[in-house]
Amino acid sequence: MVDDVQLSSLYQQLILEHYRSPRNRGELDPCSVEVERLNPTCGDQVVLRLQVGDGVIREARFDGEGCSISQAAVSMMTCLLEGATLEEARALADRFTALMHGKEERRQELRQLGDLRALQGVSRFPVRIKCALLGFEALRVALDQVEESGASGA
């Protein structure tokens, strides 16, 4: 049985793994939408790029720099976005935001967060929550832009 200390250690390793070897980092061409977000408090930066067709996120890429939390969170997020509908992507953002603000999630909803569950402990550090949510802030803006422009088509 895994105790809290072992679980915390596994989560820290997963965060560092996504930080050191980020998934989906880089350019995206063609790109339906590109959104940049900056956390002026600490200097973390995220540029999120989505390719959307028929209301589905076909590809998600990002660039940026910052702390392990901001960069690992956006790496984990992009892994979950590919193949998601715009509605599913918005639900993911809502679910993760609720988790960061300490709202209890049902086990099934936690499972849907995939590797993002590793960031659950960040909610105990208010100063770091904005780091974890930076990529999701970019995602919300990107989804709004795609919906407003009608770029969710083919």
C-alpha atoms as a PDB file:
ATOM      1  CA  MET A   1       0.000   0.000   0.000  1.00  0.00           C
ATOM      2  CA  VAL A   2       1.287   3.454  -0.949  1.00  0.00           C
ATOM      3  CA  ASP A   3       1.406   5.920   1.937  1.00  0.00           C
ATOM      4  CA  ASP A   4       1.098   9.715   1.653  1.00  0.00           C
ATOM      5  CA  VAL A   5       4.872  10.247   1.683  1.00  0.00           C
ATOM      6  CA  GLN A   6       5.427   7.764  -1.153  1.00  0.00           C
ATOM      7  CA  LEU A   7       2.561   9.239  -3.149  1.00  0.00           C
ATOM      8  CA  SER A   8       3.910  12.748  -2.667  1.00  0.00           C
ATOM      9  CA  SER A   9       7.322  11.582  -3.853  1.00  0.00           C
ATOM     10  CA  LEU A  10       5.795   9.936  -6.940  1.00  0.00           C
ATOM     11  CA  TYR A  11       3.877  13.111  -7.734  1.00  0.00           C
ATOM     12  CA  GLN A  12       7.036  15.232  -7.355  1.00  0.00           C
ATOM     13  CA  GLN A  13       8.868  12.889  -9.730  1.00  0.00           C
ATOM     14  CA  LEU A  14       6.048  13.136 -12.282  1.00  0.00           C
ATOM     15  CA  ILE A  15       6.062  16.940 -12.111  1.00  0.00           C
ATOM     16  CA  LEU A  16       9.831  17.025 -12.597  1.00  0.00           C
ATOM     17  CA  GLU A  17       9.574  14.540 -15.480  1.00  0.00           C
ATOM     18  CA  HIS A  18       7.097  16.791 -17.340  1.00  0.00           C
ATOM     19  CA  TYR A  19       9.254  19.830 -16.551  1.00  0.00           C
ATOM     20  CA  ARG A  20      12.521  18.265 -17.745  1.00  0.00           C
ATOM     21  CA  SER A  21      10.985  16.435 -20.732  1.00  0.00           C
ATOM     22  CA  PRO A  22       7.860  18.388 -21.638  1.00  0.00           C
ATOM     23  CA  ARG A  23       5.332  16.832 -23.952  1.00  0.00           C
ATOM     24  CA  ASN A  24       4.021  18.771 -26.945  1.00  0.00           C
ATOM     25  CA  ARG A  25       6.518  21.647 -26.728  1.00  0.00           C
ATOM     26  CA  GLY A  26       7.041  23.536 -29.964  1.00  0.00           C
ATOM     27  CA  GLU A  27       5.523  25.231 -32.974  1.00  0.00           C
ATOM     28  CA  LEU A  28       2.285  24.180 -34.629  1.00  0.00           C
ATOM     29  CA  ASP A  29       1.583  24.796 -38.301  1.00  0.00           C
ATOM     30  CA  PRO A  30      -1.191  25.221 -39.223  1.00  0.00           C
ATOM     31  CA  CYS A  31      -2.467  26.734 -36.028  1.00  0.00           C
ATOM     32  CA  SER A  32      -6.096  27.725 -35.407  1.00  0.00           C
ATOM     33  CA  VAL A  33      -5.275  29.880 -32.397  1.00  0.00           C
ATOM     34  CA  GLU A  34      -2.244  31.043 -30.416  1.00  0.00           C
ATOM     35  CA  VAL A  35      -2.513  32.621 -26.969  1.00  0.00           C
ATOM     36  CA  GLU A  36       0.259  33.951 -24.740  1.00  0.00           C
ATOM     37  CA  ARG A  37      -0.136  34.402 -21.011  1.00  0.00           C
ATOM     38  CA  LEU A  38       2.307  35.826 -18.486  1.00  0.00           C
ATOM     39  CA  ASN A  39       2.294  35.687 -14.712  1.00  0.00           C
ATOM     40  CA  PRO A  40       3.776  39.102 -13.866  1.00  0.00           C
ATOM     41  CA  THR A  41       4.325  38.100 -10.245  1.00  0.00           C
ATOM     42  CA  CYS A  42       6.933  35.470 -11.028  1.00  0.00           C
ATOM     43  CA  GLY A  43       7.649  35.860 -14.755  1.00  0.00           C
ATOM     44  CA  ASP A  44       6.231  32.484 -15.844  1.00  0.00           C
ATOM     45  CA  GLN A  45       5.160  32.528 -19.482  1.00  0.00           C
ATOM     46  CA  VAL A  46       3.081  30.170 -21.626  1.00  0.00           C
ATOM     47  CA  VAL A  47       2.291  30.313 -25.338  1.00  0.00           C
ATOM     48  CA  LEU A  48      -0.466  27.829 -26.191  1.00  0.00           C
ATOM     49  CA  ARG A  49      -1.197  26.803 -29.782  1.00  0.00           C
ATOM     50  CA  LEU A  50      -4.197  24.742 -30.836  1.00  0.00           C
ATOM     51  CA  GLN A  51      -5.195  23.224 -34.133  1.00  0.00           C
ATOM     52  CA  VAL A  52      -8.950  22.756 -34.119  1.00  0.00           C
ATOM     53  CA  GLY A  53     -11.199  21.059 -36.655  1.00  0.00           C
ATOM     54  CA  ASP A  54     -14.851  20.055 -36.505  1.00  0.00           C
ATOM     55  CA  GLY A  55     -15.062  21.204 -32.886  1.00  0.00           C
ATOM     56  CA  VAL A  56     -12.196  18.918 -31.818  1.00  0.00           C
ATOM     57  CA  ILE A  57      -8.680  19.837 -30.731  1.00  0.00           C
ATOM     58  CA  ARG A  58      -6.522  17.988 -33.247  1.00  0.00           C
ATOM     59  CA  GLU A  59      -3.183  19.111 -31.842  1.00  0.00           C
ATOM     60  CA  ALA A  60      -1.960  21.163 -28.907  1.00  0.00           C
ATOM     61  CA  ARG A  61       1.531  22.621 -28.536  1.00  0.00           C
ATOM     62  CA  PHE A  62       3.104  25.090 -26.171  1.00  0.00           C
ATOM     63  CA  ASP A  63       6.234  27.085 -25.518  1.00  0.00           C
ATOM     64  CA  GLY A  64       7.210  29.045 -22.484  1.00  0.00           C
ATOM     65  CA  GLU A  65       9.447  29.317 -19.524  1.00  0.00           C
ATOM     66  CA  GLY A  66       9.020  29.395 -15.824  1.00  0.00           C
ATOM     67  CA  CYS A  67       8.859  27.223 -12.762  1.00  0.00           C
ATOM     68  CA  SER A  68       8.397  23.476 -12.771  1.00  0.00           C
ATOM     69  CA  ILE A  69       4.753  23.830 -11.761  1.00  0.00           C
ATOM     70  CA  SER A  70       3.688  26.118 -14.619  1.00  0.00           C
ATOM     71  CA  GLN A  71       5.605  24.228 -17.274  1.00  0.00           C
ATOM     72  CA  ALA A  72       4.676  20.739 -16.050  1.00  0.00           C
ATOM     73  CA  ALA A  73       0.998  21.717 -15.776  1.00  0.00           C
ATOM     74  CA  VAL A  74       0.821  22.951 -19.367  1.00  0.00           C
ATOM     75  CA  SER A  75       2.703  19.864 -20.580  1.00  0.00           C
ATOM     76  CA  MET A  76       0.221  17.608 -18.783  1.00  0.00           C
ATOM     77  CA  MET A  77      -2.689  19.690 -20.044  1.00  0.00           C
ATOM     78  CA  THR A  78      -1.679  19.413 -23.713  1.00  0.00           C
ATOM     79  CA  CYS A  79      -1.532  15.620 -23.392  1.00  0.00           C
ATOM     80  CA  LEU A  80      -5.190  15.607 -22.355  1.00  0.00           C
ATOM     81  CA  LEU A  81      -6.352  18.121 -24.947  1.00  0.00           C
ATOM     82  CA  GLU A  82      -5.564  16.250 -28.130  1.00  0.00           C
ATOM     83  CA  GLY A  83      -8.753  14.625 -29.373  1.00  0.00           C
ATOM     84  CA  ALA A  84     -10.944  16.518 -26.901  1.00  0.00           C
ATOM     85  CA  THR A  85     -13.977  18.506 -27.996  1.00  0.00           C
ATOM     86  CA  LEU A  86     -14.044  22.199 -27.134  1.00  0.00           C
ATOM     87  CA  GLU A  87     -16.655  21.398 -24.480  1.00  0.00           C
ATOM     88  CA  GLU A  88     -14.445  18.661 -22.971  1.00  0.00           C
ATOM     89  CA  ALA A  89     -11.471  21.037 -22.947  1.00  0.00           C
ATOM     90  CA  ARG A  90     -13.487  23.671 -21.098  1.00  0.00           C
ATOM     91  CA  ALA A  91     -14.685  21.027 -18.609  1.00  0.00           C
ATOM     92  CA  LEU A  92     -11.059  19.996 -18.042  1.00  0.00           C
ATOM     93  CA  ALA A  93     -10.133  23.617 -17.309  1.00  0.00           C
ATOM     94  CA  ASP A  94     -13.072  23.944 -14.903  1.00  0.00           C
ATOM     95  CA  ARG A  95     -12.237  20.677 -13.148  1.00  0.00           C
ATOM     96  CA  PHE A  96      -8.554  21.521 -12.693  1.00  0.00           C
ATOM     97  CA  THR A  97      -9.337  25.057 -11.533  1.00  0.00           C
ATOM     98  CA  ALA A  98     -11.721  23.663  -8.912  1.00  0.00           C
ATOM     99  CA  LEU A  99      -9.005  21.261  -7.756  1.00  0.00           C
ATOM    100  CA  MET A 100      -6.506  24.120  -7.423  1.00  0.00           C
ATOM    101  CA  HIS A 101      -8.980  26.071  -5.317  1.00  0.00           C
ATOM    102  CA  GLY A 102      -9.348  23.155  -2.923  1.00  0.00           C
ATOM    103  CA  LYS A 103     -12.779  21.998  -4.012  1.00  0.00           C
ATOM    104  CA  GLU A 104     -13.326  18.307  -3.467  1.00  0.00           C
ATOM    105  CA  GLU A 105     -13.570  16.226  -6.597  1.00  0.00           C
ATOM    106  CA  ARG A 106     -15.184  12.854  -6.972  1.00  0.00           C
ATOM    107  CA  ARG A 107     -12.747  10.025  -7.672  1.00  0.00           C
ATOM    108  CA  GLN A 108     -13.982   9.609 -11.238  1.00  0.00           C
ATOM    109  CA  GLU A 109     -13.449  13.301 -11.945  1.00  0.00           C
ATOM    110  CA  LEU A 110      -9.948  13.108 -10.471  1.00  0.00           C
ATOM    111  CA  ARG A 111      -9.159  10.179 -12.777  1.00  0.00           C
ATOM    112  CA  GLN A 112     -10.136  12.321 -15.748  1.00  0.00           C
ATOM    113  CA  LEU A 113      -7.340  14.735 -14.836  1.00  0.00           C
ATOM    114  CA  GLY A 114      -4.668  12.150 -15.653  1.00  0.00           C
ATOM    115  CA  ASP A 115      -1.162  13.307 -14.704  1.00  0.00           C
ATOM    116  CA  LEU A 116      -2.589  16.651 -13.554  1.00  0.00           C
ATOM    117  CA  ARG A 117      -3.543  14.880 -10.309  1.00  0.00           C
ATOM    118  CA  ALA A 118       0.138  15.167  -9.393  1.00  0.00           C
ATOM    119  CA  LEU A 119      -0.413  18.902  -8.901  1.00  0.00           C
ATOM    120  CA  GLN A 120      -3.164  18.408  -6.318  1.00  0.00           C
ATOM    121  CA  GLY A 121      -0.857  19.454  -3.458  1.00  0.00           C
ATOM    122  CA  VAL A 122      -0.288  22.874  -5.064  1.00  0.00           C
ATOM    123  CA  SER A 123      -3.695  23.932  -3.728  1.00  0.00           C
ATOM    124  CA  ARG A 124      -2.091  24.165  -0.261  1.00  0.00           C
ATOM    125  CA  PHE A 125       0.237  26.937  -1.526  1.00  0.00           C
ATOM    126  CA  PRO A 126      -1.854  29.921  -2.679  1.00  0.00           C
ATOM    127  CA  VAL A 127       1.177  31.670  -4.161  1.00  0.00           C
ATOM    128  CA  ARG A 128       1.751  28.714  -6.540  1.00  0.00           C
ATOM    129  CA  ILE A 129      -1.846  28.208  -7.692  1.00  0.00           C
ATOM    130  CA  LYS A 130      -1.492  30.921 -10.332  1.00  0.00           C
ATOM    131  CA  CYS A 131       1.545  29.032 -11.693  1.00  0.00           C
ATOM    132  CA  ALA A 132      -0.453  25.831 -12.087  1.00  0.00           C
ATOM    133  CA  LEU A 133      -3.380  27.660 -13.699  1.00  0.00           C
ATOM    134  CA  LEU A 134      -1.387  29.747 -16.215  1.00  0.00           C
ATOM    135  CA  GLY A 135      -1.773  27.247 -19.068  1.00  0.00           C
ATOM    136  CA  PHE A 136      -5.457  26.846 -18.269  1.00  0.00           C
ATOM    137  CA  GLU A 137      -5.908  30.616 -18.397  1.00  0.00           C
ATOM    138  CA  ALA A 138      -4.408  30.480 -21.910  1.00  0.00           C
ATOM    139  CA  LEU A 139      -6.694  27.555 -22.771  1.00  0.00           C
ATOM    140  CA  ARG A 140      -9.844  29.450 -21.748  1.00  0.00           C
ATOM    141  CA  VAL A 141      -8.851  32.447 -23.885  1.00  0.00           C
ATOM    142  CA  ALA A 142      -7.981  30.154 -26.804  1.00  0.00           C
ATOM    143  CA  LEU A 143     -11.327  28.356 -26.574  1.00  0.00           C
ATOM    144  CA  ASP A 144     -13.166  31.691 -26.478  1.00  0.00           C
ATOM    145  CA  GLN A 145     -11.249  32.893 -29.557  1.00  0.00           C
ATOM    146  CA  VAL A 146     -11.924  29.685 -31.482  1.00  0.00           C
ATOM    147  CA  GLU A 147     -15.630  29.849 -30.685  1.00  0.00           C
ATOM    148  CA  GLU A 148     -15.880  33.569 -31.519  1.00  0.00           C
ATOM    149  CA  SER A 149     -14.024  33.226 -34.823  1.00  0.00           C
ATOM    150  CA  GLY A 150     -15.757  30.068 -35.945  1.00  0.00           C
ATOM    151  CA  ALA A 151     -12.307  28.467 -36.353  1.00  0.00           C
ATOM    152  CA  SER A 152     -13.630  25.224 -34.898  1.00  0.00           C
ATOM    153  CA  GLY A 153     -14.668  24.103 -38.379  1.00  0.00           C
ATOM    154  CA  ALA A 154     -12.631  21.930 -40.727  1.00  0.00           C
END
